[in-house]
Amino acid sequence: MIDTDLSSLGWTPHFARQVTPGEPLSPARVAEVQRSHLTVLPGGLRLLAPEGTGRFAVGDWLLHDGTRAVRRLDPLTELSRKVAGDSSERQLLAANVDTLGIVTSCNADFSAARLERYLAVALSAGCLPLVILTKADQAGDPERYLREARRLSPLVTALALNALDPEEVARLHPWVAAGQTLALVGSSGVGKTTLQNGLTGTEALTQGIREDDAKGRHTTTARSLRPTVAGGCLIDTPGMRELGMLEAAEGISAVFADIEDLARGCRFRDCAHEGEPGCAVQAAIAAGDLEADRLHRYQKLEREDRFHTESLHERHARTRAWAKATRAGMERSQWKRRGPGT
């Protein structure tokens, strides 16, 4: 069992300022969210949440009275995505994450489009993006994958390693040192659970590798926060089939800063980069300075984010209008019952 205290779990003055002096409540960090309760650290307490556990995320800080979660503290960062399916609702994945470890393999799992999507989510949330390339020992040229990852953005830090080698896994210790929180995301079977085992000293169950599609299989089914052997915290997540864009414009702009810089040189401010005269972006593609596929990926993420963000805001506006109309109707009904003279 790894000993933990509040500071090693990530407690900072940001959270301390939200606690009223003399308040008879204790701070704790959410390690697991279940329907019926929250498990928190330090201590592994199980807390009831009278208003439901849905408003909490793994990594949240809260105040409790020993049996109940009383108040959620405002987070420093919130990692979220659009919920899977056609809805434009927001799903909170984790809170107070310092670094988002985007795990992929040095094989057919590597996808620039998927990495750009994760990078946009990380940067929109205010997290440092760290690309972790596993199965480096099985790749003929792991440096090629490192170059491809680093080309996506100057903001990317990338490492290639063998997740089964403790010495190589130890290269991740700076991101899980005391007070630091690293969250691991990525497709199923890329080695997240193996990394979790090495970083936390636990033995989460894993299954073998399917050679035909370069995939491994593991048993992670829910997000959880665990102390690490280096003194900090690790959040592991299930493999996600879909990572939809929602309110991620800032992150998309950061990942594709090269394209947005070029776009400032276009003749028309509203240039769509689809054949307009004087388009600096298309000129860069023609000169071989920009890949057409990268522009298409940028446009796809931008369209997706704009559609879902506008849908979310429109729905919130309708909800506010409905609530306002309902209140007005109730006030009219009360006025009629009382009579105009009362």
Protein backbone atom coordinates (compact mmCIF):
# COMPACT_ATOMS: atom_id res chain seq x y z
CA MET A 1 0.00 0.00 0.00
CA ILE A 2 1.40 3.38 -1.04
CA ASP A 3 1.21 6.07 1.66
CA THR A 4 -0.49 9.27 0.53
CA ASP A 5 -1.10 12.72 1.92
CA LEU A 6 -3.06 15.64 0.50
CA SER A 7 -0.12 17.40 -1.15
CA SER A 8 1.11 14.26 -2.92
CA LEU A 9 -2.45 13.71 -4.15
CA GLY A 10 -2.42 17.16 -5.76
CA TRP A 11 -3.84 19.45 -3.05
CA THR A 12 -2.80 23.04 -3.80
CA PRO A 13 -3.64 26.57 -2.58
CA HIS A 14 -6.28 26.71 -5.35
CA PHE A 15 -8.34 24.19 -3.40
CA ALA A 16 -7.37 25.40 0.06
CA ARG A 17 -8.79 28.85 -0.76
CA GLN A 18 -12.21 27.25 -1.29
CA VAL A 19 -12.36 25.95 2.29
CA THR A 20 -13.84 28.20 4.97
CA PRO A 21 -11.63 28.36 8.09
CA GLY A 22 -13.20 26.29 10.85
CA GLU A 23 -15.46 24.41 8.44
CA PRO A 24 -16.07 20.97 10.05
CA LEU A 25 -15.39 19.07 6.82
CA SER A 26 -12.43 17.13 5.44
CA PRO A 27 -10.95 17.33 1.93
CA ALA A 28 -10.49 14.22 -0.20
CA ARG A 29 -9.90 13.31 -3.82
CA VAL A 30 -12.27 11.13 -5.83
CA ALA A 31 -10.64 7.85 -6.84
CA GLU A 32 -13.72 6.07 -8.22
CA VAL A 33 -17.27 7.07 -9.11
CA GLN A 34 -19.97 4.43 -8.68
CA ARG A 35 -23.74 4.85 -8.98
CA SER A 36 -24.26 4.44 -5.26
CA HIS A 37 -21.12 6.00 -3.81
CA LEU A 38 -17.75 7.67 -4.28
CA THR A 39 -14.44 6.14 -3.21
CA VAL A 40 -11.96 8.81 -2.10
CA LEU A 41 -8.34 9.21 -1.06
CA PRO A 42 -6.65 9.31 1.35
CA GLY A 43 -8.13 6.44 3.29
CA GLY A 44 -10.26 4.73 0.64
CA LEU A 45 -13.47 5.96 2.27
CA ARG A 46 -16.80 5.25 0.59
CA LEU A 47 -18.98 8.34 0.60
CA LEU A 48 -22.64 8.77 -0.21
CA ALA A 49 -23.61 11.61 -2.52
CA PRO A 50 -27.13 12.80 -1.58
CA GLU A 51 -27.51 14.74 -4.85
CA GLY A 52 -26.14 11.86 -6.94
CA THR A 53 -22.64 10.87 -8.01
CA GLY A 54 -23.12 12.08 -11.59
CA ARG A 55 -21.81 15.57 -10.88
CA PHE A 56 -18.44 14.18 -9.72
CA ALA A 57 -15.54 12.91 -11.83
CA VAL A 58 -12.47 10.88 -11.00
CA GLY A 59 -9.82 13.35 -9.87
CA ASP A 60 -12.26 15.81 -8.30
CA TRP A 61 -11.54 17.32 -4.90
CA LEU A 62 -14.44 17.51 -2.46
CA LEU A 63 -15.30 18.17 1.15
CA HIS A 64 -16.99 15.46 3.22
CA ASP A 65 -18.26 14.82 6.72
CA GLY A 66 -17.00 11.24 6.98
CA THR A 67 -20.03 9.62 5.39
CA ARG A 68 -21.32 12.06 2.77
CA ALA A 69 -19.81 14.17 0.00
CA VAL A 70 -20.91 17.69 0.92
CA ARG A 71 -19.33 19.96 -1.68
CA ARG A 72 -17.35 19.64 -4.91
CA LEU A 73 -14.43 22.06 -5.13
CA ASP A 74 -13.88 24.00 -8.35
CA PRO A 75 -11.32 22.09 -10.44
CA LEU A 76 -8.17 23.39 -12.05
CA THR A 77 -8.77 21.39 -15.24
CA GLU A 78 -11.66 19.35 -16.62
CA LEU A 79 -11.12 16.69 -19.25
CA SER A 80 -14.29 16.10 -21.26
CA ARG A 81 -15.71 14.90 -24.56
CA LYS A 82 -18.99 14.78 -26.43
CA VAL A 83 -20.97 11.76 -25.28
CA ALA A 84 -20.94 8.83 -27.68
CA GLY A 85 -23.75 8.75 -30.23
CA ASP A 86 -25.83 11.52 -31.80
CA SER A 87 -26.28 13.64 -28.68
CA SER A 88 -24.29 16.86 -28.22
CA GLU A 89 -24.12 16.53 -24.45
CA ARG A 90 -20.84 16.89 -22.58
CA GLN A 91 -19.33 13.99 -20.62
CA LEU A 92 -16.80 14.79 -17.92
CA LEU A 93 -13.99 12.22 -18.05
CA ALA A 94 -11.62 13.39 -15.30
CA ALA A 95 -10.74 16.46 -13.27
CA ASN A 96 -7.54 18.13 -12.11
CA VAL A 97 -5.33 16.37 -14.64
CA ASP A 98 -1.89 17.93 -15.13
CA THR A 99 -0.75 15.77 -18.05
CA LEU A 100 -2.76 13.77 -20.56
CA GLY A 101 -0.79 10.69 -21.58
CA ILE A 102 -1.97 9.75 -25.07
CA VAL A 103 -0.98 6.11 -25.48
CA THR A 104 -0.56 4.51 -28.89
CA SER A 105 1.70 1.82 -30.32
CA CYS A 106 4.59 1.75 -32.76
CA ASN A 107 2.50 -0.30 -35.18
CA ALA A 108 -0.75 -0.13 -37.15
CA ASP A 109 -2.56 1.50 -34.22
CA PHE A 110 -0.64 4.75 -34.82
CA SER A 111 -2.99 7.34 -36.33
CA ALA A 112 -2.17 11.01 -36.85
CA ALA A 113 -5.89 11.85 -36.99
CA ARG A 114 -6.57 10.18 -33.64
CA LEU A 115 -3.56 11.82 -32.01
CA GLU A 116 -4.64 15.27 -33.25
CA ARG A 117 -8.08 14.66 -31.76
CA TYR A 118 -6.62 13.73 -28.36
CA LEU A 119 -4.19 16.66 -28.51
CA ALA A 120 -7.06 19.10 -29.12
CA VAL A 121 -8.96 17.71 -26.14
CA ALA A 122 -5.88 17.93 -23.90
CA LEU A 123 -5.04 21.50 -24.84
CA SER A 124 -8.67 22.65 -24.55
CA ALA A 125 -8.69 21.26 -21.01
CA GLY A 126 -5.43 22.99 -20.07
CA CYS A 127 -3.48 19.72 -19.79
CA LEU A 128 0.08 19.11 -20.98
CA PRO A 129 -0.06 16.57 -23.86
CA LEU A 130 2.35 13.64 -23.62
CA VAL A 131 2.38 11.07 -26.44
CA ILE A 132 3.50 7.65 -25.16
CA LEU A 133 4.48 5.24 -27.93
CA THR A 134 4.46 1.66 -26.66
CA LYS A 135 5.83 -1.54 -28.22
CA ALA A 136 8.98 0.34 -29.26
CA ASP A 137 10.92 -2.90 -28.80
CA GLN A 138 8.83 -4.53 -31.54
CA ALA A 139 9.22 -1.72 -34.07
CA GLY A 140 11.95 -1.71 -36.66
CA ASP A 141 12.22 2.08 -36.53
CA PRO A 142 10.57 3.61 -33.43
CA GLU A 143 12.21 6.95 -34.23
CA ARG A 144 9.92 7.23 -37.25
CA TYR A 145 6.87 7.16 -34.99
CA LEU A 146 8.45 9.73 -32.69
CA ARG A 147 9.07 12.05 -35.63
CA GLU A 148 5.50 11.63 -36.85
CA ALA A 149 4.09 12.43 -33.40
CA ARG A 150 6.28 15.49 -32.90
CA ARG A 151 5.40 16.82 -36.34
CA LEU A 152 1.77 17.22 -35.27
CA SER A 153 2.48 20.14 -32.95
CA PRO A 154 5.48 21.85 -31.32
CA LEU A 155 3.54 21.49 -28.05
CA VAL A 156 3.90 17.69 -28.12
CA THR A 157 6.29 15.79 -25.87
CA ALA A 158 6.72 12.22 -27.15
CA LEU A 159 8.40 9.12 -25.71
CA ALA A 160 8.84 5.65 -27.22
CA LEU A 161 9.23 2.78 -24.77
CA ASN A 162 8.65 -0.86 -23.93
CA ALA A 163 5.84 -0.90 -21.36
CA LEU A 164 7.07 -4.25 -20.00
CA ASP A 165 10.51 -2.86 -19.09
CA PRO A 166 10.50 -1.25 -15.60
CA GLU A 167 13.49 0.94 -16.42
CA GLU A 168 11.76 2.36 -19.46
CA VAL A 169 8.46 2.87 -17.63
CA ALA A 170 10.43 4.83 -15.01
CA ARG A 171 11.00 7.49 -17.68
CA LEU A 172 7.39 8.52 -16.99
CA HIS A 173 8.04 9.20 -13.29
CA PRO A 174 8.44 13.00 -13.70
CA TRP A 175 4.79 13.16 -14.80
CA VAL A 176 3.58 11.11 -11.81
CA ALA A 177 5.80 12.59 -9.09
CA ALA A 178 4.30 13.91 -5.84
CA GLY A 179 1.57 16.44 -6.55
CA GLN A 180 1.33 15.51 -10.24
CA THR A 181 -1.56 13.71 -11.96
CA LEU A 182 -1.20 11.84 -15.24
CA ALA A 183 -4.27 10.49 -17.05
CA LEU A 184 -3.83 7.74 -19.64
CA VAL A 185 -6.08 7.61 -22.71
CA GLY A 186 -5.92 5.65 -25.93
CA SER A 187 -7.39 2.76 -27.84
CA SER A 188 -7.96 -0.60 -26.21
CA GLY A 189 -4.94 -2.86 -26.24
CA VAL A 190 -2.14 -0.31 -26.64
CA GLY A 191 -0.64 -1.00 -23.21
CA LYS A 192 -2.38 1.40 -20.82
CA THR A 193 -2.99 -1.29 -18.21
CA THR A 194 0.60 -2.52 -18.47
CA LEU A 195 1.80 1.04 -17.90
CA GLN A 196 -0.58 1.35 -14.96
CA ASN A 197 0.87 -1.80 -13.42
CA GLY A 198 4.40 -0.45 -13.73
CA LEU A 199 3.59 3.04 -12.45
CA THR A 200 1.44 2.00 -9.49
CA GLY A 201 3.06 -1.30 -8.49
CA THR A 202 -0.29 -3.08 -8.84
CA GLU A 203 -1.34 -6.00 -10.99
CA ALA A 204 -4.42 -4.97 -12.96
CA LEU A 205 -5.46 -7.85 -15.18
CA THR A 206 -4.32 -7.90 -18.80
CA GLN A 207 -4.83 -10.28 -21.66
CA GLY A 208 -2.67 -11.24 -24.59
CA ILE A 209 -1.87 -9.63 -27.91
CA ARG A 210 -3.77 -10.43 -31.10
CA GLU A 211 -1.07 -10.66 -33.75
CA ASP A 212 -3.42 -10.21 -36.71
CA ASP A 213 -4.33 -6.61 -35.86
CA ALA A 214 -1.54 -5.56 -33.45
CA LYS A 215 -4.06 -5.14 -30.62
CA GLY A 216 -3.76 -6.23 -27.05
CA ARG A 217 -6.71 -6.69 -24.72
CA HIS A 218 -7.15 -5.59 -21.16
CA THR A 219 -9.85 -5.47 -18.53
CA THR A 220 -10.07 -1.77 -17.62
CA THR A 221 -13.80 -0.97 -17.60
CA ALA A 222 -14.02 2.22 -15.51
CA ARG A 223 -11.92 5.27 -14.74
CA SER A 224 -9.95 5.18 -11.51
CA LEU A 225 -7.30 7.25 -9.74
CA ARG A 226 -4.41 5.43 -8.07
CA PRO A 227 -1.28 6.56 -6.19
CA THR A 228 1.97 5.87 -8.03
CA VAL A 229 5.30 4.55 -6.82
CA ALA A 230 6.82 7.93 -7.75
CA GLY A 231 4.52 9.71 -5.29
CA GLY A 232 1.84 11.22 -7.53
CA CYS A 233 -1.40 10.02 -9.11
CA LEU A 234 -2.41 8.08 -12.21
CA ILE A 235 -5.86 8.03 -13.81
CA ASP A 236 -6.51 5.11 -16.15
CA THR A 237 -9.45 5.18 -18.54
CA PRO A 238 -11.22 2.50 -20.59
CA GLY A 239 -10.42 2.39 -24.30
CA MET A 240 -12.70 4.89 -26.04
CA ARG A 241 -14.22 4.05 -29.40
CA GLU A 242 -15.30 7.65 -29.90
CA LEU A 243 -13.81 10.97 -28.78
CA GLY A 244 -16.20 13.63 -30.04
CA MET A 245 -15.26 17.30 -30.23
CA LEU A 246 -17.25 19.69 -28.04
CA GLU A 247 -16.15 23.19 -26.97
CA ALA A 248 -12.64 22.33 -28.15
CA ALA A 249 -12.00 25.29 -30.48
CA GLU A 250 -9.06 26.55 -28.42
CA GLY A 251 -7.34 23.17 -28.51
CA ILE A 252 -7.96 22.71 -32.23
CA SER A 253 -6.42 26.12 -32.90
CA ALA A 254 -3.37 25.21 -30.83
CA VAL A 255 -2.82 21.85 -32.57
CA PHE A 256 -3.24 23.35 -36.02
CA ALA A 257 -1.49 26.65 -35.36
CA ASP A 258 0.53 26.17 -38.56
CA ILE A 259 -2.64 26.23 -40.67
CA GLU A 260 -4.16 29.16 -38.80
CA ASP A 261 -0.92 31.12 -39.21
CA LEU A 262 -1.03 30.47 -42.96
CA ALA A 263 -4.71 31.45 -43.12
CA ARG A 264 -3.87 34.96 -41.93
CA GLY A 265 -2.15 35.46 -45.28
CA CYS A 266 -5.24 34.59 -47.32
CA ARG A 267 -6.73 37.37 -49.46
CA PHE A 268 -10.20 36.91 -47.98
CA ARG A 269 -10.83 36.86 -44.25
CA ASP A 270 -13.54 34.19 -44.62
CA CYS A 271 -11.45 32.02 -46.95
CA ALA A 272 -12.52 28.37 -46.73
CA HIS A 273 -9.24 27.18 -48.31
CA GLU A 274 -11.16 25.34 -51.00
CA GLY A 275 -10.03 27.07 -54.18
CA GLU A 276 -10.58 30.76 -53.47
CA PRO A 277 -8.12 33.13 -55.19
CA GLY A 278 -5.23 34.27 -53.02
CA CYS A 279 -5.50 31.33 -50.58
CA ALA A 280 -2.22 31.09 -48.67
CA VAL A 281 -3.13 27.64 -47.31
CA GLN A 282 -3.63 26.12 -50.76
CA ALA A 283 -0.43 27.84 -51.89
CA ALA A 284 1.45 26.08 -49.07
CA ILE A 285 -0.01 22.74 -50.17
CA ALA A 286 1.02 23.39 -53.76
CA ALA A 287 4.54 24.25 -52.60
CA GLY A 288 4.79 21.05 -50.56
CA ASP A 289 4.94 22.92 -47.25
CA LEU A 290 1.61 21.55 -45.96
CA GLU A 291 -0.02 18.16 -46.46
CA ALA A 292 -3.53 18.28 -47.91
CA ASP A 293 -4.57 15.50 -45.50
CA ARG A 294 -3.64 17.67 -42.52
CA LEU A 295 -5.85 20.50 -43.81
CA HIS A 296 -8.73 18.05 -44.26
CA ARG A 297 -8.30 16.72 -40.72
CA TYR A 298 -8.28 20.28 -39.37
CA GLN A 299 -11.45 21.16 -41.27
CA LYS A 300 -13.17 17.98 -40.09
CA LEU A 301 -12.42 18.63 -36.41
CA GLU A 302 -13.41 22.29 -36.74
CA ARG A 303 -16.76 21.43 -38.37
CA GLU A 304 -17.48 18.73 -35.82
CA ASP A 305 -16.68 20.97 -32.87
CA ARG A 306 -18.70 23.89 -34.25
CA PHE A 307 -21.75 21.71 -34.93
CA HIS A 308 -21.84 20.06 -31.51
CA THR A 309 -20.96 23.25 -29.61
CA GLU A 310 -23.69 25.24 -31.36
CA SER A 311 -26.17 22.40 -30.73
CA LEU A 312 -25.27 22.37 -27.04
CA HIS A 313 -25.61 26.14 -26.69
CA GLU A 314 -28.92 26.16 -28.57
CA ARG A 315 -30.30 23.45 -26.30
CA HIS A 316 -29.20 25.38 -23.22
CA ALA A 317 -30.86 28.52 -24.61
CA ARG A 318 -34.11 26.59 -25.18
CA THR A 319 -33.93 25.20 -21.65
CA ARG A 320 -33.46 28.70 -20.20
CA ALA A 321 -36.34 30.06 -22.31
CA TRP A 322 -38.59 27.19 -21.21
CA ALA A 323 -37.71 27.75 -17.55
CA LYS A 324 -38.40 31.49 -17.89
CA ALA A 325 -41.76 30.85 -19.56
CA THR A 326 -42.67 28.30 -16.89
CA ARG A 327 -41.87 30.75 -14.09
CA ALA A 328 -43.90 33.47 -15.82
CA GLY A 329 -46.85 31.09 -16.22
CA MET A 330 -46.73 30.10 -12.55
CA GLU A 331 -46.65 33.76 -11.51
CA ARG A 332 -49.71 34.53 -13.70
CA SER A 333 -51.59 31.57 -12.22
CA GLN A 334 -50.81 32.72 -8.68
CA TRP A 335 -51.89 36.28 -9.53
CA LYS A 336 -55.22 35.03 -10.93
CA ARG A 337 -55.87 32.89 -7.84
CA ARG A 338 -55.15 35.79 -5.49
CA GLY A 339 -57.06 38.29 -7.55
CA PRO A 340 -55.92 41.67 -8.92
CA GLY A 341 -56.58 43.49 -5.68
CA THR A 342 -54.27 41.40 -3.49
